[in-house]
Amino acid sequence: MKESLPETKKTQIKICGFTRAEDAALAVALGADALGLVFYPPSPRNISIQSAKEIATAVAPFTSITALFLDADPGFIESVLTQVPVSLLQFHGTEDAAFCAAFNRPYIKSVPMKSVDNVEAYCTGYGTSRGFLLDSNAAGAAGGSGTSFDWNLIPRSAVNGLILAGGLSVQNVGEAVRTVRPAAVDVSSGVESAKGIKDATKMRDFIRAVKEADSQ
């Protein structure tokens, strides 16, 4: 009889809002599983397609790149997809399930926790989503505010692909992983020295804190 392998848990780590190729390359070297690129002009972390291409070129070929959109024009989304090697789409606005699935790419849907009363019902409306990113923003607002929400609002019943975001930092991500046990965590402002500029020490310590929480 084969011995069963010990159960292990690996919380995936996505760092979002890169504006510089060197920051993205360092994040991958430190152990980030995915990078988030923001294509939303009102955001201070918004980047051009050319900058996104430079970031994608700077990182290892199997790196997962997520493109974040908020109620974007379909033509613009298609333009990004034809020029940037995007692995996953992230919809952060009022897009319905049909819109999200129309681009024939895997996608995740953001859940605006300040506006959604029933998380399970909201997620049920996006049956084709690969996961659900629970953020602290209200509907129609972008993330990256650096504020968290009450984790007690997260349903304890299974929600596939739960991604925890909103105000995560080195100081609280270990507790977040141990308390919520999400499939992944997503951080932006919590590892920055300025908006869109990632801090090497904060990224390293954030990733280390997640790994330590997993081991516990």
C-alpha atoms as a PDB file:
ATOM      1  CA  MET A   1       0.000   0.000   0.000  1.00  0.00           C
ATOM      2  CA  LYS A   2       1.334   3.386  -0.950  1.00  0.00           C
ATOM      3  CA  GLU A   3       1.827   5.855   1.844  1.00  0.00           C
ATOM      4  CA  SER A   4      -0.429   8.870   1.569  1.00  0.00           C
ATOM      5  CA  LEU A   5       1.298  12.174   1.131  1.00  0.00           C
ATOM      6  CA  PRO A   6       0.910  14.711   3.957  1.00  0.00           C
ATOM      7  CA  GLU A   7      -1.709  17.339   3.367  1.00  0.00           C
ATOM      8  CA  THR A   8      -0.223  20.685   2.434  1.00  0.00           C
ATOM      9  CA  LYS A   9      -1.767  24.020   1.607  1.00  0.00           C
ATOM     10  CA  LYS A  10      -0.343  26.671  -0.661  1.00  0.00           C
ATOM     11  CA  THR A  11      -2.100  29.991  -0.718  1.00  0.00           C
ATOM     12  CA  GLN A  12      -1.450  31.528  -4.109  1.00  0.00           C
ATOM     13  CA  ILE A  13      -0.169  35.097  -4.133  1.00  0.00           C
ATOM     14  CA  LYS A  14      -1.139  37.742  -6.657  1.00  0.00           C
ATOM     15  CA  ILE A  15       0.484  41.162  -6.551  1.00  0.00           C
ATOM     16  CA  CYS A  16      -1.472  43.746  -8.487  1.00  0.00           C
ATOM     17  CA  GLY A  17      -0.931  47.196  -9.929  1.00  0.00           C
ATOM     18  CA  PHE A  18       2.531  47.007 -11.476  1.00  0.00           C
ATOM     19  CA  THR A  19       3.739  49.970 -13.486  1.00  0.00           C
ATOM     20  CA  ARG A  20       7.437  49.070 -13.806  1.00  0.00           C
ATOM     21  CA  ALA A  21       8.970  45.991 -15.410  1.00  0.00           C
ATOM     22  CA  GLU A  22      11.739  45.743 -12.816  1.00  0.00           C
ATOM     23  CA  ASP A  23       9.211  45.540  -9.976  1.00  0.00           C
ATOM     24  CA  ALA A  24       7.316  42.768 -11.743  1.00  0.00           C
ATOM     25  CA  ALA A  25      10.471  40.744 -12.390  1.00  0.00           C
ATOM     26  CA  LEU A  26      11.468  41.047  -8.739  1.00  0.00           C
ATOM     27  CA  ALA A  27       8.004  39.966  -7.542  1.00  0.00           C
ATOM     28  CA  VAL A  28       8.266  36.784  -9.589  1.00  0.00           C
ATOM     29  CA  ALA A  29      11.785  36.126  -8.321  1.00  0.00           C
ATOM     30  CA  LEU A  30      10.520  36.510  -4.744  1.00  0.00           C
ATOM     31  CA  GLY A  31       7.778  33.939  -5.293  1.00  0.00           C
ATOM     32  CA  ALA A  32       4.619  35.702  -6.478  1.00  0.00           C
ATOM     33  CA  ASP A  33       2.353  33.359  -8.436  1.00  0.00           C
ATOM     34  CA  ALA A  34       0.553  36.011 -10.477  1.00  0.00           C
ATOM     35  CA  LEU A  35       0.890  39.638 -11.494  1.00  0.00           C
ATOM     36  CA  GLY A  36      -2.002  42.047 -11.956  1.00  0.00           C
ATOM     37  CA  LEU A  37      -1.965  44.807 -14.577  1.00  0.00           C
ATOM     38  CA  VAL A  38      -4.567  47.559 -14.351  1.00  0.00           C
ATOM     39  CA  PHE A  39      -6.259  48.831 -17.503  1.00  0.00           C
ATOM     40  CA  TYR A  40      -8.529  51.445 -15.942  1.00  0.00           C
ATOM     41  CA  PRO A  41      -7.560  55.073 -16.713  1.00  0.00           C
ATOM     42  CA  PRO A  42      -8.889  56.652 -13.477  1.00  0.00           C
ATOM     43  CA  SER A  43      -6.590  54.401 -11.435  1.00  0.00           C
ATOM     44  CA  PRO A  44      -3.130  55.700 -10.443  1.00  0.00           C
ATOM     45  CA  ARG A  45      -1.865  52.225 -11.381  1.00  0.00           C
ATOM     46  CA  ASN A  46      -3.293  52.300 -14.906  1.00  0.00           C
ATOM     47  CA  ILE A  47      -0.772  51.362 -17.576  1.00  0.00           C
ATOM     48  CA  SER A  48      -0.598  51.515 -21.347  1.00  0.00           C
ATOM     49  CA  ILE A  49      -0.561  48.476 -23.574  1.00  0.00           C
ATOM     50  CA  GLN A  50       3.084  49.204 -24.391  1.00  0.00           C
ATOM     51  CA  SER A  51       4.041  49.219 -20.708  1.00  0.00           C
ATOM     52  CA  ALA A  52       2.127  45.973 -20.204  1.00  0.00           C
ATOM     53  CA  LYS A  53       4.078  44.381 -23.048  1.00  0.00           C
ATOM     54  CA  GLU A  54       7.359  45.485 -21.446  1.00  0.00           C
ATOM     55  CA  ILE A  55       6.328  43.989 -18.108  1.00  0.00           C
ATOM     56  CA  ALA A  56       5.286  40.710 -19.727  1.00  0.00           C
ATOM     57  CA  THR A  57       8.612  40.501 -21.536  1.00  0.00           C
ATOM     58  CA  ALA A  58      10.548  41.042 -18.302  1.00  0.00           C
ATOM     59  CA  VAL A  59       9.103  38.089 -16.397  1.00  0.00           C
ATOM     60  CA  ALA A  60       9.494  34.317 -16.702  1.00  0.00           C
ATOM     61  CA  PRO A  61       7.427  32.740 -19.517  1.00  0.00           C
ATOM     62  CA  PHE A  62       5.099  30.724 -17.261  1.00  0.00           C
ATOM     63  CA  THR A  63       4.212  33.702 -15.080  1.00  0.00           C
ATOM     64  CA  SER A  64       0.463  34.219 -14.808  1.00  0.00           C
ATOM     65  CA  ILE A  65      -0.549  37.719 -15.913  1.00  0.00           C
ATOM     66  CA  THR A  66      -3.977  39.041 -14.966  1.00  0.00           C
ATOM     67  CA  ALA A  67      -5.517  42.010 -16.771  1.00  0.00           C
ATOM     68  CA  LEU A  68      -7.909  44.075 -14.655  1.00  0.00           C
ATOM     69  CA  PHE A  69     -10.795  45.928 -16.300  1.00  0.00           C
ATOM     70  CA  LEU A  70     -13.668  47.951 -14.887  1.00  0.00           C
ATOM     71  CA  ASP A  71     -16.642  48.328 -17.248  1.00  0.00           C
ATOM     72  CA  ALA A  72     -14.270  48.633 -20.194  1.00  0.00           C
ATOM     73  CA  ASP A  73     -15.260  48.795 -23.837  1.00  0.00           C
ATOM     74  CA  PRO A  74     -15.114  45.315 -25.430  1.00  0.00           C
ATOM     75  CA  GLY A  75     -12.976  46.643 -28.269  1.00  0.00           C
ATOM     76  CA  PHE A  76     -10.357  47.898 -25.830  1.00  0.00           C
ATOM     77  CA  ILE A  77     -10.276  44.564 -24.029  1.00  0.00           C
ATOM     78  CA  GLU A  78      -9.765  42.769 -27.326  1.00  0.00           C
ATOM     79  CA  SER A  79      -6.944  45.184 -28.166  1.00  0.00           C
ATOM     80  CA  VAL A  80      -5.168  44.325 -24.918  1.00  0.00           C
ATOM     81  CA  LEU A  81      -5.632  40.600 -25.490  1.00  0.00           C
ATOM     82  CA  THR A  82      -4.158  40.723 -28.987  1.00  0.00           C
ATOM     83  CA  GLN A  83      -0.996  42.489 -27.785  1.00  0.00           C
ATOM     84  CA  VAL A  84      -0.339  41.314 -24.218  1.00  0.00           C
ATOM     85  CA  PRO A  85       0.064  37.631 -23.171  1.00  0.00           C
ATOM     86  CA  VAL A  86      -2.754  37.712 -20.636  1.00  0.00           C
ATOM     87  CA  SER A  87      -3.455  34.500 -18.714  1.00  0.00           C
ATOM     88  CA  LEU A  88      -6.538  35.626 -16.824  1.00  0.00           C
ATOM     89  CA  LEU A  89      -9.101  38.426 -16.969  1.00  0.00           C
ATOM     90  CA  GLN A  90     -10.312  40.207 -13.842  1.00  0.00           C
ATOM     91  CA  PHE A  91     -13.568  42.126 -14.042  1.00  0.00           C
ATOM     92  CA  HIS A  92     -13.957  44.718 -11.324  1.00  0.00           C
ATOM     93  CA  GLY A  93     -17.125  46.521 -12.388  1.00  0.00           C
ATOM     94  CA  THR A  94     -20.767  45.800 -13.113  1.00  0.00           C
ATOM     95  CA  GLU A  95     -20.052  43.358 -15.962  1.00  0.00           C
ATOM     96  CA  ASP A  96     -22.522  40.494 -16.150  1.00  0.00           C
ATOM     97  CA  ALA A  97     -21.569  36.852 -16.632  1.00  0.00           C
ATOM     98  CA  ALA A  98     -22.213  36.870 -20.376  1.00  0.00           C
ATOM     99  CA  PHE A  99     -19.873  39.835 -20.856  1.00  0.00           C
ATOM    100  CA  CYS A 100     -17.140  38.248 -18.743  1.00  0.00           C
ATOM    101  CA  ALA A 101     -17.285  34.994 -20.701  1.00  0.00           C
ATOM    102  CA  ALA A 102     -17.411  36.629 -24.126  1.00  0.00           C
ATOM    103  CA  PHE A 103     -13.629  36.871 -24.571  1.00  0.00           C
ATOM    104  CA  ASN A 104     -12.961  33.121 -24.405  1.00  0.00           C
ATOM    105  CA  ARG A 105     -10.418  33.531 -21.629  1.00  0.00           C
ATOM    106  CA  PRO A 106     -10.516  32.353 -18.026  1.00  0.00           C
ATOM    107  CA  TYR A 107     -11.759  35.121 -15.762  1.00  0.00           C
ATOM    108  CA  ILE A 108     -12.349  36.010 -12.146  1.00  0.00           C
ATOM    109  CA  LYS A 109     -15.016  38.386 -10.847  1.00  0.00           C
ATOM    110  CA  SER A 110     -14.484  40.931  -8.120  1.00  0.00           C
ATOM    111  CA  VAL A 111     -17.083  41.054  -5.335  1.00  0.00           C
ATOM    112  CA  PRO A 112     -17.563  44.596  -3.955  1.00  0.00           C
ATOM    113  CA  MET A 113     -18.038  43.743  -0.292  1.00  0.00           C
ATOM    114  CA  LYS A 114     -19.315  47.203   0.631  1.00  0.00           C
ATOM    115  CA  SER A 115     -22.269  46.729  -1.707  1.00  0.00           C
ATOM    116  CA  VAL A 116     -23.010  43.003  -1.760  1.00  0.00           C
ATOM    117  CA  ASP A 117     -25.223  41.651   1.021  1.00  0.00           C
ATOM    118  CA  ASN A 118     -25.324  38.026  -0.100  1.00  0.00           C
ATOM    119  CA  VAL A 119     -21.936  36.881  -1.357  1.00  0.00           C
ATOM    120  CA  GLU A 120     -23.087  33.366  -2.227  1.00  0.00           C
ATOM    121  CA  ALA A 121     -25.984  34.636  -4.336  1.00  0.00           C
ATOM    122  CA  TYR A 122     -23.711  37.106  -6.110  1.00  0.00           C
ATOM    123  CA  CYS A 123     -21.191  34.394  -6.970  1.00  0.00           C
ATOM    124  CA  THR A 124     -23.922  32.063  -8.207  1.00  0.00           C
ATOM    125  CA  GLY A 125     -24.617  34.589 -10.956  1.00  0.00           C
ATOM    126  CA  TYR A 126     -21.128  33.994 -12.400  1.00  0.00           C
ATOM    127  CA  GLY A 127     -21.063  30.256 -12.858  1.00  0.00           C
ATOM    128  CA  THR A 128     -18.205  30.336 -15.374  1.00  0.00           C
ATOM    129  CA  SER A 129     -15.859  32.367 -13.177  1.00  0.00           C
ATOM    130  CA  ARG A 130     -12.598  30.692 -12.154  1.00  0.00           C
ATOM    131  CA  GLY A 131     -12.705  32.470  -8.810  1.00  0.00           C
ATOM    132  CA  PHE A 132     -14.086  35.381  -6.833  1.00  0.00           C
ATOM    133  CA  LEU A 133     -11.993  38.232  -5.523  1.00  0.00           C
ATOM    134  CA  LEU A 134     -13.490  39.672  -2.355  1.00  0.00           C
ATOM    135  CA  ASP A 135     -12.457  43.308  -2.118  1.00  0.00           C
ATOM    136  CA  SER A 136     -13.342  46.151   0.234  1.00  0.00           C
ATOM    137  CA  ASN A 137     -14.574  48.554  -2.431  1.00  0.00           C
ATOM    138  CA  ALA A 138     -18.155  49.499  -3.210  1.00  0.00           C
ATOM    139  CA  ALA A 139     -19.765  48.664  -6.541  1.00  0.00           C
ATOM    140  CA  GLY A 140     -18.331  50.713  -9.400  1.00  0.00           C
ATOM    141  CA  ALA A 141     -15.154  51.639  -7.531  1.00  0.00           C
ATOM    142  CA  ALA A 142     -11.679  50.309  -8.134  1.00  0.00           C
ATOM    143  CA  GLY A 143      -9.693  48.440  -5.511  1.00  0.00           C
ATOM    144  CA  GLY A 144      -6.252  49.323  -4.216  1.00  0.00           C
ATOM    145  CA  SER A 145      -7.599  51.627  -1.505  1.00  0.00           C
ATOM    146  CA  GLY A 146      -5.594  49.998   1.265  1.00  0.00           C
ATOM    147  CA  THR A 147      -8.668  49.420   3.421  1.00  0.00           C
ATOM    148  CA  SER A 148      -9.930  46.055   4.617  1.00  0.00           C
ATOM    149  CA  PHE A 149     -13.404  44.711   5.325  1.00  0.00           C
ATOM    150  CA  ASP A 150     -14.907  42.541   8.047  1.00  0.00           C
ATOM    151  CA  TRP A 151     -13.781  38.981   7.291  1.00  0.00           C
ATOM    152  CA  ASN A 152     -16.783  37.701   9.257  1.00  0.00           C
ATOM    153  CA  LEU A 153     -18.893  38.680   6.232  1.00  0.00           C
ATOM    154  CA  ILE A 154     -17.257  35.931   4.177  1.00  0.00           C
ATOM    155  CA  PRO A 155     -19.576  32.920   3.871  1.00  0.00           C
ATOM    156  CA  ARG A 156     -18.289  29.758   5.521  1.00  0.00           C
ATOM    157  CA  SER A 157     -19.942  27.548   2.921  1.00  0.00           C
ATOM    158  CA  ALA A 158     -17.800  26.696  -0.066  1.00  0.00           C
ATOM    159  CA  VAL A 159     -17.266  29.431  -2.620  1.00  0.00           C
ATOM    160  CA  ASN A 160     -14.985  28.116  -5.338  1.00  0.00           C
ATOM    161  CA  GLY A 161     -11.725  29.941  -5.819  1.00  0.00           C
ATOM    162  CA  LEU A 162     -11.989  32.454  -2.978  1.00  0.00           C
ATOM    163  CA  ILE A 163      -9.411  35.238  -3.384  1.00  0.00           C
ATOM    164  CA  LEU A 164      -9.020  37.604  -0.453  1.00  0.00           C
ATOM    165  CA  ALA A 165      -8.112  41.226  -1.147  1.00  0.00           C
ATOM    166  CA  GLY A 166      -8.677  44.604   0.437  1.00  0.00           C
ATOM    167  CA  GLY A 167      -6.175  46.194   2.779  1.00  0.00           C
ATOM    168  CA  LEU A 168      -3.831  43.232   3.063  1.00  0.00           C
ATOM    169  CA  SER A 169      -0.305  43.956   4.244  1.00  0.00           C
ATOM    170  CA  VAL A 170       2.650  42.317   5.937  1.00  0.00           C
ATOM    171  CA  GLN A 171       0.997  43.102   9.275  1.00  0.00           C
ATOM    172  CA  ASN A 172      -2.286  41.266   8.679  1.00  0.00           C
ATOM    173  CA  VAL A 173      -1.896  38.768   5.843  1.00  0.00           C
ATOM    174  CA  GLY A 174      -0.753  35.956   8.116  1.00  0.00           C
ATOM    175  CA  GLU A 175      -3.850  36.336  10.258  1.00  0.00           C
ATOM    176  CA  ALA A 176      -5.971  36.599   7.104  1.00  0.00           C
ATOM    177  CA  VAL A 177      -4.653  33.306   5.725  1.00  0.00           C
ATOM    178  CA  ARG A 178      -5.088  31.503   9.023  1.00  0.00           C
ATOM    179  CA  THR A 179      -8.589  32.897   9.579  1.00  0.00           C
ATOM    180  CA  VAL A 180     -10.148  32.798   6.106  1.00  0.00           C
ATOM    181  CA  ARG A 181      -8.066  30.033   4.473  1.00  0.00           C
ATOM    182  CA  PRO A 182      -8.539  31.523   0.998  1.00  0.00           C
ATOM    183  CA  ALA A 183      -7.335  29.912  -2.198  1.00  0.00           C
ATOM    184  CA  ALA A 184      -5.312  33.046  -2.889  1.00  0.00           C
ATOM    185  CA  VAL A 185      -4.529  36.519  -1.612  1.00  0.00           C
ATOM    186  CA  ASP A 186      -4.266  39.691  -3.660  1.00  0.00           C
ATOM    187  CA  VAL A 187      -2.260  42.733  -2.598  1.00  0.00           C
ATOM    188  CA  SER A 188      -1.529  46.087  -4.196  1.00  0.00           C
ATOM    189  CA  SER A 189      -1.049  49.133  -1.958  1.00  0.00           C
ATOM    190  CA  GLY A 190       0.142  46.967   0.933  1.00  0.00           C
ATOM    191  CA  VAL A 191       3.480  46.327  -0.800  1.00  0.00           C
ATOM    192  CA  GLU A 192       4.081  49.783  -2.240  1.00  0.00           C
ATOM    193  CA  SER A 193       6.370  52.692  -1.445  1.00  0.00           C
ATOM    194  CA  ALA A 194       4.137  54.906  -3.639  1.00  0.00           C
ATOM    195  CA  LYS A 195       1.109  54.228  -5.810  1.00  0.00           C
ATOM    196  CA  GLY A 196       2.191  51.872  -8.553  1.00  0.00           C
ATOM    197  CA  ILE A 197       5.744  51.573  -7.189  1.00  0.00           C
ATOM    198  CA  LYS A 198       6.404  48.274  -5.441  1.00  0.00           C
ATOM    199  CA  ASP A 199       8.698  47.998  -2.435  1.00  0.00           C
ATOM    200  CA  ALA A 200      11.112  45.067  -2.527  1.00  0.00           C
ATOM    201  CA  THR A 201      11.214  44.547   1.233  1.00  0.00           C
ATOM    202  CA  LYS A 202       7.436  44.701   1.599  1.00  0.00           C
ATOM    203  CA  MET A 203       6.929  42.199  -1.224  1.00  0.00           C
ATOM    204  CA  ARG A 204       9.487  39.815   0.280  1.00  0.00           C
ATOM    205  CA  ASP A 205       8.004  40.059   3.766  1.00  0.00           C
ATOM    206  CA  PHE A 206       4.438  39.699   2.482  1.00  0.00           C
ATOM    207  CA  ILE A 207       5.243  36.515   0.579  1.00  0.00           C
ATOM    208  CA  ARG A 208       7.163  35.147   3.564  1.00  0.00           C
ATOM    209  CA  ALA A 209       4.212  35.854   5.881  1.00  0.00           C
ATOM    210  CA  VAL A 210       1.832  33.933   3.610  1.00  0.00           C
ATOM    211  CA  LYS A 211       4.172  30.947   3.449  1.00  0.00           C
ATOM    212  CA  GLU A 212       4.603  30.937   7.224  1.00  0.00           C
ATOM    213  CA  ALA A 213       0.840  31.014   7.731  1.00  0.00           C
ATOM    214  CA  ASP A 214       0.452  28.099   5.302  1.00  0.00           C
ATOM    215  CA  SER A 215       2.944  26.059   7.285  1.00  0.00           C
ATOM    216  CA  GLN A 216       0.891  26.541  10.442  1.00  0.00           C
END
